[in-house]
Amino acid sequence: MNITYSQNGDYRIPNIVIRKTKPIGHYGRLRKAYLETYRPVLFNELVLSDTLYEHCAEIDEAARNRMELIVPELVKRNGVTEQLKAENQMEWVRQMNACKAQAEEIVKAELIYD
């Protein structure tokens, strides 16, 4: 990897440009913020190798796929049915939101904050 430098007073500053490969979603942004705050060495390695956005996009896609698998399982396990939706829509919404929140916590623990 060829890095060019620019002179800034007595210092030579590397000309690093971060290119965005794909737009990153919610989970990708969470991963980027986590790396920047809690794993600065890994974050800097990804920036310098120009793979940060690619990494975050992969994490985002994996997290979305995992959510698509976990939410239906939790819905099934907790007995959230269309019959409940017909009987009491607010209760159905509450239970669906609880399932989604639980799935999101699992995904964050497995993929984002690891």
PDB file of N, CA and C in Angstrom:
ATOM      1  N   MET A   1       0.851  -1.171   0.000  1.00  0.00           N
ATOM      2  CA  MET A   1       0.000   0.000   0.000  1.00  0.00           C
ATOM      3  C   MET A   1       0.895   1.232   0.000  1.00  0.00           C
ATOM      4  N   ASN A   2       0.727   2.090  -0.984  1.00  0.00           N
ATOM      5  CA  ASN A   2       1.510   3.322  -1.087  1.00  0.00           C
ATOM      6  C   ASN A   2       0.771   4.451  -0.399  1.00  0.00           C
ATOM      7  N   ILE A   3       1.429   5.035   0.577  1.00  0.00           N
ATOM      8  CA  ILE A   3       0.839   6.161   1.302  1.00  0.00           C
ATOM      9  C   ILE A   3       1.634   7.401   0.961  1.00  0.00           C
ATOM     10  N   THR A   4       0.930   8.437   0.561  1.00  0.00           N
ATOM     11  CA  THR A   4       1.581   9.719   0.302  1.00  0.00           C
ATOM     12  C   THR A   4       1.421  10.597   1.527  1.00  0.00           C
ATOM     13  N   TYR A   5       2.320  11.554   1.648  1.00  0.00           N
ATOM     14  CA  TYR A   5       2.325  12.432   2.817  1.00  0.00           C
ATOM     15  C   TYR A   5       2.310  13.880   2.375  1.00  0.00           C
ATOM     16  N   SER A   6       1.756  14.739   3.229  1.00  0.00           N
ATOM     17  CA  SER A   6       1.817  16.173   2.990  1.00  0.00           C
ATOM     18  C   SER A   6       2.517  16.824   4.177  1.00  0.00           C
ATOM     19  N   GLN A   7       3.285  17.854   3.892  1.00  0.00           N
ATOM     20  CA  GLN A   7       4.037  18.554   4.929  1.00  0.00           C
ATOM     21  C   GLN A   7       3.111  19.545   5.627  1.00  0.00           C
ATOM     22  N   ASN A   8       3.103  19.502   6.959  1.00  0.00           N
ATOM     23  CA  ASN A   8       2.307  20.437   7.749  1.00  0.00           C
ATOM     24  C   ASN A   8       3.216  20.958   8.856  1.00  0.00           C
ATOM     25  N   GLY A   9       3.868  22.063   8.583  1.00  0.00           N
ATOM     26  CA  GLY A   9       4.857  22.581   9.523  1.00  0.00           C
ATOM     27  C   GLY A   9       6.033  21.630   9.571  1.00  0.00           C
ATOM     28  N   ASP A  10       6.391  21.169  10.742  1.00  0.00           N
ATOM     29  CA  ASP A  10       7.494  20.229  10.905  1.00  0.00           C
ATOM     30  C   ASP A  10       7.058  18.771  10.769  1.00  0.00           C
ATOM     31  N   TYR A  11       5.791  18.545  10.524  1.00  0.00           N
ATOM     32  CA  TYR A  11       5.259  17.184  10.515  1.00  0.00           C
ATOM     33  C   TYR A  11       4.846  16.757   9.116  1.00  0.00           C
ATOM     34  N   ARG A  12       4.998  15.468   8.869  1.00  0.00           N
ATOM     35  CA  ARG A  12       4.486  14.874   7.630  1.00  0.00           C
ATOM     36  C   ARG A  12       3.240  14.084   8.000  1.00  0.00           C
ATOM     37  N   ILE A  13       2.116  14.472   7.424  1.00  0.00           N
ATOM     38  CA  ILE A  13       0.818  13.868   7.719  1.00  0.00           C
ATOM     39  C   ILE A  13       0.449  12.945   6.559  1.00  0.00           C
ATOM     40  N   PRO A  14       0.067  11.684   6.855  1.00  0.00           N
ATOM     41  CA  PRO A  14      -0.339  10.789   5.762  1.00  0.00           C
ATOM     42  C   PRO A  14      -1.658  11.251   5.144  1.00  0.00           C
ATOM     43  N   ASN A  15      -1.715  11.170   3.844  1.00  0.00           N
ATOM     44  CA  ASN A  15      -2.938  11.506   3.109  1.00  0.00           C
ATOM     45  C   ASN A  15      -3.813  10.260   3.048  1.00  0.00           C
ATOM     46  N   ILE A  16      -4.659  10.118   4.050  1.00  0.00           N
ATOM     47  CA  ILE A  16      -5.524   8.939   4.130  1.00  0.00           C
ATOM     48  C   ILE A  16      -6.939   9.359   3.767  1.00  0.00           C
ATOM     49  N   VAL A  17      -7.491   8.655   2.810  1.00  0.00           N
ATOM     50  CA  VAL A  17      -8.861   8.905   2.382  1.00  0.00           C
ATOM     51  C   VAL A  17      -9.643   7.624   2.612  1.00  0.00           C
ATOM     52  N   ILE A  18     -10.742   7.736   3.342  1.00  0.00           N
ATOM     53  CA  ILE A  18     -11.579   6.580   3.579  1.00  0.00           C
ATOM     54  C   ILE A  18     -12.638   6.537   2.485  1.00  0.00           C
ATOM     55  N   ARG A  19     -12.606   5.476   1.717  1.00  0.00           N
ATOM     56  CA  ARG A  19     -13.610   5.357   0.657  1.00  0.00           C
ATOM     57  C   ARG A  19     -14.763   4.517   1.178  1.00  0.00           C
ATOM     58  N   LYS A  20     -15.937   4.916   0.816  1.00  0.00           N
ATOM     59  CA  LYS A  20     -17.115   4.166   1.225  1.00  0.00           C
ATOM     60  C   LYS A  20     -17.467   3.206   0.103  1.00  0.00           C
ATOM     61  N   THR A  21     -17.554   1.920   0.450  1.00  0.00           N
ATOM     62  CA  THR A  21     -17.883   0.931  -0.568  1.00  0.00           C
ATOM     63  C   THR A  21     -19.389   0.803  -0.735  1.00  0.00           C
ATOM     64  N   LYS A  22     -20.081   0.596   0.370  1.00  0.00           N
ATOM     65  CA  LYS A  22     -21.539   0.485   0.360  1.00  0.00           C
ATOM     66  C   LYS A  22     -22.060   1.346   1.494  1.00  0.00           C
ATOM     67  N   PRO A  23     -23.289   1.796   1.380  1.00  0.00           N
ATOM     68  CA  PRO A  23     -23.851   2.493   2.547  1.00  0.00           C
ATOM     69  C   PRO A  23     -24.019   1.488   3.690  1.00  0.00           C
ATOM     70  N   ILE A  24     -23.695   1.930   4.876  1.00  0.00           N
ATOM     71  CA  ILE A  24     -23.839   1.043   6.019  1.00  0.00           C
ATOM     72  C   ILE A  24     -25.105   1.413   6.771  1.00  0.00           C
ATOM     73  N   GLY A  25     -25.766   0.416   7.283  1.00  0.00           N
ATOM     74  CA  GLY A  25     -27.020   0.623   7.993  1.00  0.00           C
ATOM     75  C   GLY A  25     -26.814   0.822   9.480  1.00  0.00           C
ATOM     76  N   HIS A  26     -27.885   0.646  10.209  1.00  0.00           N
ATOM     77  CA  HIS A  26     -27.909   0.874  11.647  1.00  0.00           C
ATOM     78  C   HIS A  26     -26.852   0.050  12.379  1.00  0.00           C
ATOM     79  N   TYR A  27     -26.808  -1.241  12.105  1.00  0.00           N
ATOM     80  CA  TYR A  27     -25.877  -2.117  12.803  1.00  0.00           C
ATOM     81  C   TYR A  27     -24.432  -1.841  12.400  1.00  0.00           C
ATOM     82  N   GLY A  28     -24.208  -1.476  11.164  1.00  0.00           N
ATOM     83  CA  GLY A  28     -22.865  -1.106  10.719  1.00  0.00           C
ATOM     84  C   GLY A  28     -22.365   0.151  11.416  1.00  0.00           C
ATOM     85  N   ARG A  29     -23.261   1.115  11.591  1.00  0.00           N
ATOM     86  CA  ARG A  29     -22.878   2.346  12.309  1.00  0.00           C
ATOM     87  C   ARG A  29     -22.608   2.065  13.781  1.00  0.00           C
ATOM     88  N   LEU A  30     -23.396   1.166  14.376  1.00  0.00           N
ATOM     89  CA  LEU A  30     -23.138   0.770  15.767  1.00  0.00           C
ATOM     90  C   LEU A  30     -21.765   0.119  15.891  1.00  0.00           C
ATOM     91  N   ARG A  31     -21.426  -0.753  14.942  1.00  0.00           N
ATOM     92  CA  ARG A  31     -20.133  -1.435  14.967  1.00  0.00           C
ATOM     93  C   ARG A  31     -18.991  -0.430  14.821  1.00  0.00           C
ATOM     94  N   LYS A  32     -19.151   0.515  13.918  1.00  0.00           N
ATOM     95  CA  LYS A  32     -18.111   1.535  13.705  1.00  0.00           C
ATOM     96  C   LYS A  32     -17.896   2.354  14.973  1.00  0.00           C
ATOM     97  N   ALA A  33     -18.979   2.775  15.611  1.00  0.00           N
ATOM     98  CA  ALA A  33     -18.874   3.556  16.846  1.00  0.00           C
ATOM     99  C   ALA A  33     -18.224   2.730  17.956  1.00  0.00           C
ATOM    100  N   TYR A  34     -18.584   1.459  18.044  1.00  0.00           N
ATOM    101  CA  TYR A  34     -17.991   0.581  19.057  1.00  0.00           C
ATOM    102  C   TYR A  34     -16.486   0.444  18.834  1.00  0.00           C
ATOM    103  N   LEU A  35     -16.090   0.184  17.591  1.00  0.00           N
ATOM    104  CA  LEU A  35     -14.668   0.027  17.292  1.00  0.00           C
ATOM    105  C   LEU A  35     -13.900   1.310  17.594  1.00  0.00           C
ATOM    106  N   GLU A  36     -14.464   2.421  17.209  1.00  0.00           N
ATOM    107  CA  GLU A  36     -13.787   3.701  17.408  1.00  0.00           C
ATOM    108  C   GLU A  36     -13.600   3.998  18.896  1.00  0.00           C
ATOM    109  N   THR A  37     -14.581   3.647  19.716  1.00  0.00           N
ATOM    110  CA  THR A  37     -14.539   3.962  21.140  1.00  0.00           C
ATOM    111  C   THR A  37     -13.771   2.930  21.959  1.00  0.00           C
ATOM    112  N   TYR A  38     -14.051   1.641  21.736  1.00  0.00           N
ATOM    113  CA  TYR A  38     -13.531   0.603  22.616  1.00  0.00           C
ATOM    114  C   TYR A  38     -12.415  -0.252  22.020  1.00  0.00           C
ATOM    115  N   ARG A  39     -12.256  -0.230  20.717  1.00  0.00           N
ATOM    116  CA  ARG A  39     -11.205  -1.018  20.063  1.00  0.00           C
ATOM    117  C   ARG A  39     -10.423  -0.135  19.093  1.00  0.00           C
ATOM    118  N   PRO A  40      -9.765   0.921  19.588  1.00  0.00           N
ATOM    119  CA  PRO A  40      -9.113   1.886  18.699  1.00  0.00           C
ATOM    120  C   PRO A  40      -7.999   1.289  17.842  1.00  0.00           C
ATOM    121  N   VAL A  41      -7.297   0.274  18.336  1.00  0.00           N
ATOM    122  CA  VAL A  41      -6.231  -0.328  17.541  1.00  0.00           C
ATOM    123  C   VAL A  41      -6.823  -1.022  16.316  1.00  0.00           C
ATOM    124  N   LEU A  42      -7.855  -1.835  16.529  1.00  0.00           N
ATOM    125  CA  LEU A  42      -8.518  -2.500  15.407  1.00  0.00           C
ATOM    126  C   LEU A  42      -9.140  -1.476  14.461  1.00  0.00           C
ATOM    127  N   PHE A  43      -9.757  -0.438  15.030  1.00  0.00           N
ATOM    128  CA  PHE A  43     -10.348   0.617  14.207  1.00  0.00           C
ATOM    129  C   PHE A  43      -9.289   1.250  13.303  1.00  0.00           C
ATOM    130  N   ASN A  44      -8.130   1.585  13.875  1.00  0.00           N
ATOM    131  CA  ASN A  44      -7.061   2.209  13.082  1.00  0.00           C
ATOM    132  C   ASN A  44      -6.518   1.259  12.028  1.00  0.00           C
ATOM    133  N   GLU A  45      -6.408  -0.025  12.366  1.00  0.00           N
ATOM    134  CA  GLU A  45      -5.958  -1.006  11.369  1.00  0.00           C
ATOM    135  C   GLU A  45      -6.926  -1.069  10.188  1.00  0.00           C
ATOM    136  N   LEU A  46      -8.225  -1.073  10.495  1.00  0.00           N
ATOM    137  CA  LEU A  46      -9.226  -1.117   9.422  1.00  0.00           C
ATOM    138  C   LEU A  46      -9.208   0.146   8.586  1.00  0.00           C
ATOM    139  N   VAL A  47      -9.014   1.292   9.230  1.00  0.00           N
ATOM    140  CA  VAL A  47      -8.940   2.562   8.489  1.00  0.00           C
ATOM    141  C   VAL A  47      -7.715   2.559   7.585  1.00  0.00           C
ATOM    142  N   LEU A  48      -6.563   2.184   8.140  1.00  0.00           N
ATOM    143  CA  LEU A  48      -5.323   2.214   7.359  1.00  0.00           C
ATOM    144  C   LEU A  48      -5.312   1.200   6.231  1.00  0.00           C
ATOM    145  N   SER A  49      -5.996   0.085   6.411  1.00  0.00           N
ATOM    146  CA  SER A  49      -6.062  -0.905   5.331  1.00  0.00           C
ATOM    147  C   SER A  49      -7.224  -0.631   4.386  1.00  0.00           C
ATOM    148  N   ASP A  50      -7.977   0.432   4.655  1.00  0.00           N
ATOM    149  CA  ASP A  50      -9.091   0.861   3.803  1.00  0.00           C
ATOM    150  C   ASP A  50     -10.194  -0.203   3.733  1.00  0.00           C
ATOM    151  N   THR A  51     -10.446  -0.878   4.855  1.00  0.00           N
ATOM    152  CA  THR A  51     -11.485  -1.904   4.882  1.00  0.00           C
ATOM    153  C   THR A  51     -12.544  -1.628   5.949  1.00  0.00           C
ATOM    154  N   LEU A  52     -12.527  -0.451   6.545  1.00  0.00           N
ATOM    155  CA  LEU A  52     -13.470  -0.149   7.624  1.00  0.00           C
ATOM    156  C   LEU A  52     -14.917  -0.233   7.151  1.00  0.00           C
ATOM    157  N   TYR A  53     -15.245   0.449   6.062  1.00  0.00           N
ATOM    158  CA  TYR A  53     -16.641   0.460   5.610  1.00  0.00           C
ATOM    159  C   TYR A  53     -17.068  -0.899   5.067  1.00  0.00           C
ATOM    160  N   GLU A  54     -16.131  -1.604   4.472  1.00  0.00           N
ATOM    161  CA  GLU A  54     -16.444  -2.957   4.010  1.00  0.00           C
ATOM    162  C   GLU A  54     -16.769  -3.853   5.205  1.00  0.00           C
ATOM    163  N   HIS A  55     -15.972  -3.751   6.257  1.00  0.00           N
ATOM    164  CA  HIS A  55     -16.201  -4.526   7.485  1.00  0.00           C
ATOM    165  C   HIS A  55     -17.556  -4.173   8.095  1.00  0.00           C
ATOM    166  N   CYS A  56     -17.843  -2.893   8.206  1.00  0.00           N
ATOM    167  CA  CYS A  56     -19.112  -2.448   8.807  1.00  0.00           C
ATOM    168  C   CYS A  56     -20.310  -2.880   7.967  1.00  0.00           C
ATOM    169  N   ALA A  57     -20.169  -2.850   6.648  1.00  0.00           N
ATOM    170  CA  ALA A  57     -21.254  -3.293   5.768  1.00  0.00           C
ATOM    171  C   ALA A  57     -21.497  -4.796   5.933  1.00  0.00           C
ATOM    172  N   GLU A  58     -20.426  -5.573   6.086  1.00  0.00           N
ATOM    173  CA  GLU A  58     -20.575  -7.014   6.303  1.00  0.00           C
ATOM    174  C   GLU A  58     -21.271  -7.294   7.637  1.00  0.00           C
ATOM    175  N   ILE A  59     -20.883  -6.566   8.678  1.00  0.00           N
ATOM    176  CA  ILE A  59     -21.511  -6.743   9.988  1.00  0.00           C
ATOM    177  C   ILE A  59     -22.990  -6.366   9.903  1.00  0.00           C
ATOM    178  N   ASP A  60     -23.290  -5.280   9.206  1.00  0.00           N
ATOM    179  CA  ASP A  60     -24.676  -4.838   9.058  1.00  0.00           C
ATOM    180  C   ASP A  60     -25.521  -5.907   8.371  1.00  0.00           C
ATOM    181  N   GLU A  61     -24.997  -6.454   7.298  1.00  0.00           N
ATOM    182  CA  GLU A  61     -25.738  -7.486   6.555  1.00  0.00           C
ATOM    183  C   GLU A  61     -25.919  -8.741   7.407  1.00  0.00           C
ATOM    184  N   ALA A  62     -24.866  -9.153   8.106  1.00  0.00           N
ATOM    185  CA  ALA A  62     -24.962 -10.337   8.961  1.00  0.00           C
ATOM    186  C   ALA A  62     -25.970 -10.116  10.088  1.00  0.00           C
ATOM    187  N   ALA A  63     -25.975  -8.919  10.663  1.00  0.00           N
ATOM    188  CA  ALA A  63     -26.909  -8.616  11.751  1.00  0.00           C
ATOM    189  C   ALA A  63     -28.353  -8.626  11.251  1.00  0.00           C
ATOM    190  N   ARG A  64     -28.583  -8.060  10.079  1.00  0.00           N
ATOM    191  CA  ARG A  64     -29.941  -8.075   9.521  1.00  0.00           C
ATOM    192  C   ARG A  64     -30.409  -9.505   9.230  1.00  0.00           C
ATOM    193  N   ASN A  65     -29.520 -10.307   8.675  1.00  0.00           N
ATOM    194  CA  ASN A  65     -29.875 -11.712   8.399  1.00  0.00           C
ATOM    195  C   ASN A  65     -30.168 -12.458   9.696  1.00  0.00           C
ATOM    196  N   ARG A  66     -29.373 -12.202  10.707  1.00  0.00           N
ATOM    197  CA  ARG A  66     -29.576 -12.860  11.997  1.00  0.00           C
ATOM    198  C   ARG A  66     -30.913 -12.433  12.610  1.00  0.00           C
ATOM    199  N   MET A  67     -31.251 -11.153  12.494  1.00  0.00           N
ATOM    200  CA  MET A  67     -32.539 -10.667  13.009  1.00  0.00           C
ATOM    201  C   MET A  67     -33.696 -11.372  12.307  1.00  0.00           C
ATOM    202  N   GLU A  68     -33.569 -11.571  10.993  1.00  0.00           N
ATOM    203  CA  GLU A  68     -34.611 -12.247  10.236  1.00  0.00           C
ATOM    204  C   GLU A  68     -34.806 -13.695  10.690  1.00  0.00           C
ATOM    205  N   LEU A  69     -33.773 -14.297  11.241  1.00  0.00           N
ATOM    206  CA  LEU A  69     -33.890 -15.662  11.755  1.00  0.00           C
ATOM    207  C   LEU A  69     -34.408 -15.701  13.188  1.00  0.00           C
ATOM    208  N   ILE A  70     -33.947 -14.771  14.010  1.00  0.00           N
ATOM    209  CA  ILE A  70     -34.266 -14.814  15.435  1.00  0.00           C
ATOM    210  C   ILE A  70     -35.690 -14.367  15.725  1.00  0.00           C
ATOM    211  N   VAL A  71     -36.151 -13.292  15.095  1.00  0.00           N
ATOM    212  CA  VAL A  71     -37.476 -12.738  15.415  1.00  0.00           C
ATOM    213  C   VAL A  71     -38.591 -13.763  15.216  1.00  0.00           C
ATOM    214  N   PRO A  72     -38.664 -14.462  14.084  1.00  0.00           N
ATOM    215  CA  PRO A  72     -39.745 -15.459  13.949  1.00  0.00           C
ATOM    216  C   PRO A  72     -39.672 -16.572  14.991  1.00  0.00           C
ATOM    217  N   GLU A  73     -38.461 -16.970  15.374  1.00  0.00           N
ATOM    218  CA  GLU A  73     -38.320 -17.995  16.416  1.00  0.00           C
ATOM    219  C   GLU A  73     -38.863 -17.501  17.746  1.00  0.00           C
ATOM    220  N   LEU A  74     -38.539 -16.266  18.112  1.00  0.00           N
ATOM    221  CA  LEU A  74     -39.033 -15.702  19.365  1.00  0.00           C
ATOM    222  C   LEU A  74     -40.546 -15.517  19.336  1.00  0.00           C
ATOM    223  N   VAL A  75     -41.070 -15.102  18.188  1.00  0.00           N
ATOM    224  CA  VAL A  75     -42.519 -14.936  18.036  1.00  0.00           C
ATOM    225  C   VAL A  75     -43.211 -16.277  18.240  1.00  0.00           C
ATOM    226  N   LYS A  76     -42.651 -17.300  17.621  1.00  0.00           N
ATOM    227  CA  LYS A  76     -43.225 -18.644  17.748  1.00  0.00           C
ATOM    228  C   LYS A  76     -43.125 -19.144  19.191  1.00  0.00           C
ATOM    229  N   ARG A  77     -41.959 -18.962  19.803  1.00  0.00           N
ATOM    230  CA  ARG A  77     -41.736 -19.442  21.171  1.00  0.00           C
ATOM    231  C   ARG A  77     -42.637 -18.731  22.181  1.00  0.00           C
ATOM    232  N   ASN A  78     -42.902 -17.447  21.961  1.00  0.00           N
ATOM    233  CA  ASN A  78     -43.721 -16.669  22.894  1.00  0.00           C
ATOM    234  C   ASN A  78     -45.205 -16.722  22.581  1.00  0.00           C
ATOM    235  N   GLY A  79     -45.579 -17.416  21.520  1.00  0.00           N
ATOM    236  CA  GLY A  79     -46.994 -17.595  21.203  1.00  0.00           C
ATOM    237  C   GLY A  79     -47.691 -16.342  20.694  1.00  0.00           C
ATOM    238  N   VAL A  80     -46.955 -15.501  19.983  1.00  0.00           N
ATOM    239  CA  VAL A  80     -47.562 -14.299  19.403  1.00  0.00           C
ATOM    240  C   VAL A  80     -48.198 -14.726  18.080  1.00  0.00           C
ATOM    241  N   THR A  81     -49.526 -14.731  18.051  1.00  0.00           N
ATOM    242  CA  THR A  81     -50.237 -15.264  16.889  1.00  0.00           C
ATOM    243  C   THR A  81     -51.119 -14.194  16.250  1.00  0.00           C
ATOM    244  N   GLU A  82     -51.601 -14.516  15.065  1.00  0.00           N
ATOM    245  CA  GLU A  82     -52.540 -13.633  14.376  1.00  0.00           C
ATOM    246  C   GLU A  82     -53.866 -13.572  15.138  1.00  0.00           C
ATOM    247  N   GLN A  83     -54.199 -14.635  15.845  1.00  0.00           N
ATOM    248  CA  GLN A  83     -55.425 -14.639  16.647  1.00  0.00           C
ATOM    249  C   GLN A  83     -55.334 -13.592  17.752  1.00  0.00           C
ATOM    250  N   LEU A  84     -54.154 -13.494  18.377  1.00  0.00           N
ATOM    251  CA  LEU A  84     -53.942 -12.474  19.402  1.00  0.00           C
ATOM    252  C   LEU A  84     -54.068 -11.086  18.793  1.00  0.00           C
ATOM    253  N   LYS A  85     -53.554 -10.933  17.579  1.00  0.00           N
ATOM    254  CA  LYS A  85     -53.634  -9.641  16.890  1.00  0.00           C
ATOM    255  C   LYS A  85     -55.092  -9.255  16.672  1.00  0.00           C
ATOM    256  N   ALA A  86     -55.913 -10.224  16.296  1.00  0.00           N
ATOM    257  CA  ALA A  86     -57.335  -9.948  16.060  1.00  0.00           C
ATOM    258  C   ALA A  86     -58.063  -9.620  17.359  1.00  0.00           C
ATOM    259  N   GLU A  87     -57.668 -10.273  18.448  1.00  0.00           N
ATOM    260  CA  GLU A  87     -58.348 -10.065  19.732  1.00  0.00           C
ATOM    261  C   GLU A  87     -57.903  -8.784  20.425  1.00  0.00           C
ATOM    262  N   ASN A  88     -56.606  -8.558  20.464  1.00  0.00           N
ATOM    263  CA  ASN A  88     -56.080  -7.410  21.205  1.00  0.00           C
ATOM    264  C   ASN A  88     -54.833  -6.898  20.499  1.00  0.00           C
ATOM    265  N   GLN A  89     -55.056  -5.923  19.625  1.00  0.00           N
ATOM    266  CA  GLN A  89     -53.966  -5.447  18.792  1.00  0.00           C
ATOM    267  C   GLN A  89     -52.840  -4.802  19.601  1.00  0.00           C
ATOM    268  N   MET A  90     -53.181  -4.059  20.649  1.00  0.00           N
ATOM    269  CA  MET A  90     -52.146  -3.409  21.457  1.00  0.00           C
ATOM    270  C   MET A  90     -51.262  -4.430  22.160  1.00  0.00           C
ATOM    271  N   GLU A  91     -51.841  -5.512  22.632  1.00  0.00           N
ATOM    272  CA  GLU A  91     -51.054  -6.570  23.278  1.00  0.00           C
ATOM    273  C   GLU A  91     -50.146  -7.251  22.262  1.00  0.00           C
ATOM    274  N   TRP A  92     -50.656  -7.456  21.055  1.00  0.00           N
ATOM    275  CA  TRP A  92     -49.863  -8.061  19.989  1.00  0.00           C
ATOM    276  C   TRP A  92     -48.670  -7.178  19.652  1.00  0.00           C
ATOM    277  N   VAL A  93     -48.911  -5.873  19.541  1.00  0.00           N
ATOM    278  CA  VAL A  93     -47.824  -4.931  19.242  1.00  0.00           C
ATOM    279  C   VAL A  93     -46.792  -4.950  20.366  1.00  0.00           C
ATOM    280  N   ARG A  94     -47.245  -4.967  21.618  1.00  0.00           N
ATOM    281  CA  ARG A  94     -46.332  -4.994  22.752  1.00  0.00           C
ATOM    282  C   ARG A  94     -45.457  -6.242  22.710  1.00  0.00           C
ATOM    283  N   GLN A  95     -46.057  -7.378  22.446  1.00  0.00           N
ATOM    284  CA  GLN A  95     -45.300  -8.626  22.412  1.00  0.00           C
ATOM    285  C   GLN A  95     -44.342  -8.682  21.219  1.00  0.00           C
ATOM    286  N   MET A  96     -44.776  -8.169  20.076  1.00  0.00           N
ATOM    287  CA  MET A  96     -43.885  -8.132  18.903  1.00  0.00           C
ATOM    288  C   MET A  96     -42.686  -7.220  19.172  1.00  0.00           C
ATOM    289  N   ASN A  97     -42.931  -6.070  19.770  1.00  0.00           N
ATOM    290  CA  ASN A  97     -41.831  -5.156  20.103  1.00  0.00           C
ATOM    291  C   ASN A  97     -40.873  -5.796  21.102  1.00  0.00           C
ATOM    292  N   ALA A  98     -41.409  -6.550  22.048  1.00  0.00           N
ATOM    293  CA  ALA A  98     -40.556  -7.251  23.015  1.00  0.00           C
ATOM    294  C   ALA A  98     -39.691  -8.292  22.302  1.00  0.00           C
ATOM    295  N   CYS A  99     -40.262  -9.013  21.360  1.00  0.00           N
ATOM    296  CA  CYS A  99     -39.498 -10.015  20.600  1.00  0.00           C
ATOM    297  C   CYS A  99     -38.394  -9.357  19.776  1.00  0.00           C
ATOM    298  N   LYS A 100     -38.721  -8.252  19.135  1.00  0.00           N
ATOM    299  CA  LYS A 100     -37.719  -7.541  18.331  1.00  0.00           C
ATOM    300  C   LYS A 100     -36.604  -6.985  19.209  1.00  0.00           C
ATOM    301  N   ALA A 101     -36.953  -6.453  20.367  1.00  0.00           N
ATOM    302  CA  ALA A 101     -35.943  -5.908  21.282  1.00  0.00           C
ATOM    303  C   ALA A 101     -35.026  -7.018  21.793  1.00  0.00           C
ATOM    304  N   GLN A 102     -35.612  -8.155  22.108  1.00  0.00           N
ATOM    305  CA  GLN A 102     -34.817  -9.280  22.589  1.00  0.00           C
ATOM    306  C   GLN A 102     -33.876  -9.778  21.493  1.00  0.00           C
ATOM    307  N   ALA A 103     -34.380  -9.866  20.275  1.00  0.00           N
ATOM    308  CA  ALA A 103     -33.554 -10.301  19.148  1.00  0.00           C
ATOM    309  C   ALA A 103     -32.418  -9.309  18.900  1.00  0.00           C
ATOM    310  N   GLU A 104     -32.718  -8.036  19.022  1.00  0.00           N
ATOM    311  CA  GLU A 104     -31.689  -7.019  18.803  1.00  0.00           C
ATOM    312  C   GLU A 104     -30.591  -7.107  19.864  1.00  0.00           C
ATOM    313  N   GLU A 105     -30.947  -7.382  21.089  1.00  0.00           N
ATOM    314  CA  GLU A 105     -29.943  -7.550  22.149  1.00  0.00           C
ATOM    315  C   GLU A 105     -29.039  -8.743  21.852  1.00  0.00           C
ATOM    316  N   ILE A 106     -29.614  -9.819  21.349  1.00  0.00           N
ATOM    317  CA  ILE A 106     -28.828 -10.996  20.990  1.00  0.00           C
ATOM    318  C   ILE A 106     -27.858 -10.661  19.872  1.00  0.00           C
ATOM    319  N   VAL A 107     -28.354  -9.984  18.841  1.00  0.00           N
ATOM    320  CA  VAL A 107     -27.517  -9.618  17.695  1.00  0.00           C
ATOM    321  C   VAL A 107     -26.398  -8.680  18.117  1.00  0.00           C
ATOM    322  N   LYS A 108     -26.709  -7.714  18.947  1.00  0.00           N
ATOM    323  CA  LYS A 108     -25.679  -6.782  19.417  1.00  0.00           C
ATOM    324  C   LYS A 108     -24.587  -7.519  20.186  1.00  0.00           C
ATOM    325  N   ALA A 109     -24.990  -8.433  21.046  1.00  0.00           N
ATOM    326  CA  ALA A 109     -24.003  -9.183  21.832  1.00  0.00           C
ATOM    327  C   ALA A 109     -23.147 -10.092  20.941  1.00  0.00           C
ATOM    328  N   GLU A 110     -23.761 -10.701  19.933  1.00  0.00           N
ATOM    329  CA  GLU A 110     -23.034 -11.650  19.087  1.00  0.00           C
ATOM    330  C   GLU A 110     -22.154 -10.968  18.045  1.00  0.00           C
ATOM    331  N   LEU A 111     -22.649  -9.905  17.430  1.00  0.00           N
ATOM    332  CA  LEU A 111     -21.952  -9.349  16.265  1.00  0.00           C
ATOM    333  C   LEU A 111     -21.382  -7.940  16.463  1.00  0.00           C
ATOM    334  N   ILE A 112     -22.084  -7.093  17.154  1.00  0.00           N
ATOM    335  CA  ILE A 112     -21.664  -5.685  17.226  1.00  0.00           C
ATOM    336  C   ILE A 112     -20.602  -5.473  18.292  1.00  0.00           C
ATOM    337  N   TYR A 113     -20.882  -5.922  19.501  1.00  0.00           N
ATOM    338  CA  TYR A 113     -19.997  -5.639  20.631  1.00  0.00           C
ATOM    339  C   TYR A 113     -19.073  -6.805  20.959  1.00  0.00           C
ATOM    340  N   ASP A 114     -18.602  -7.484  19.945  1.00  0.00           N
ATOM    341  CA  ASP A 114     -17.717  -8.620  20.133  1.00  0.00           C
ATOM    342  C   ASP A 114     -16.339  -8.289  19.619  1.00  0.00           C
TER     343      ASP A 114
END
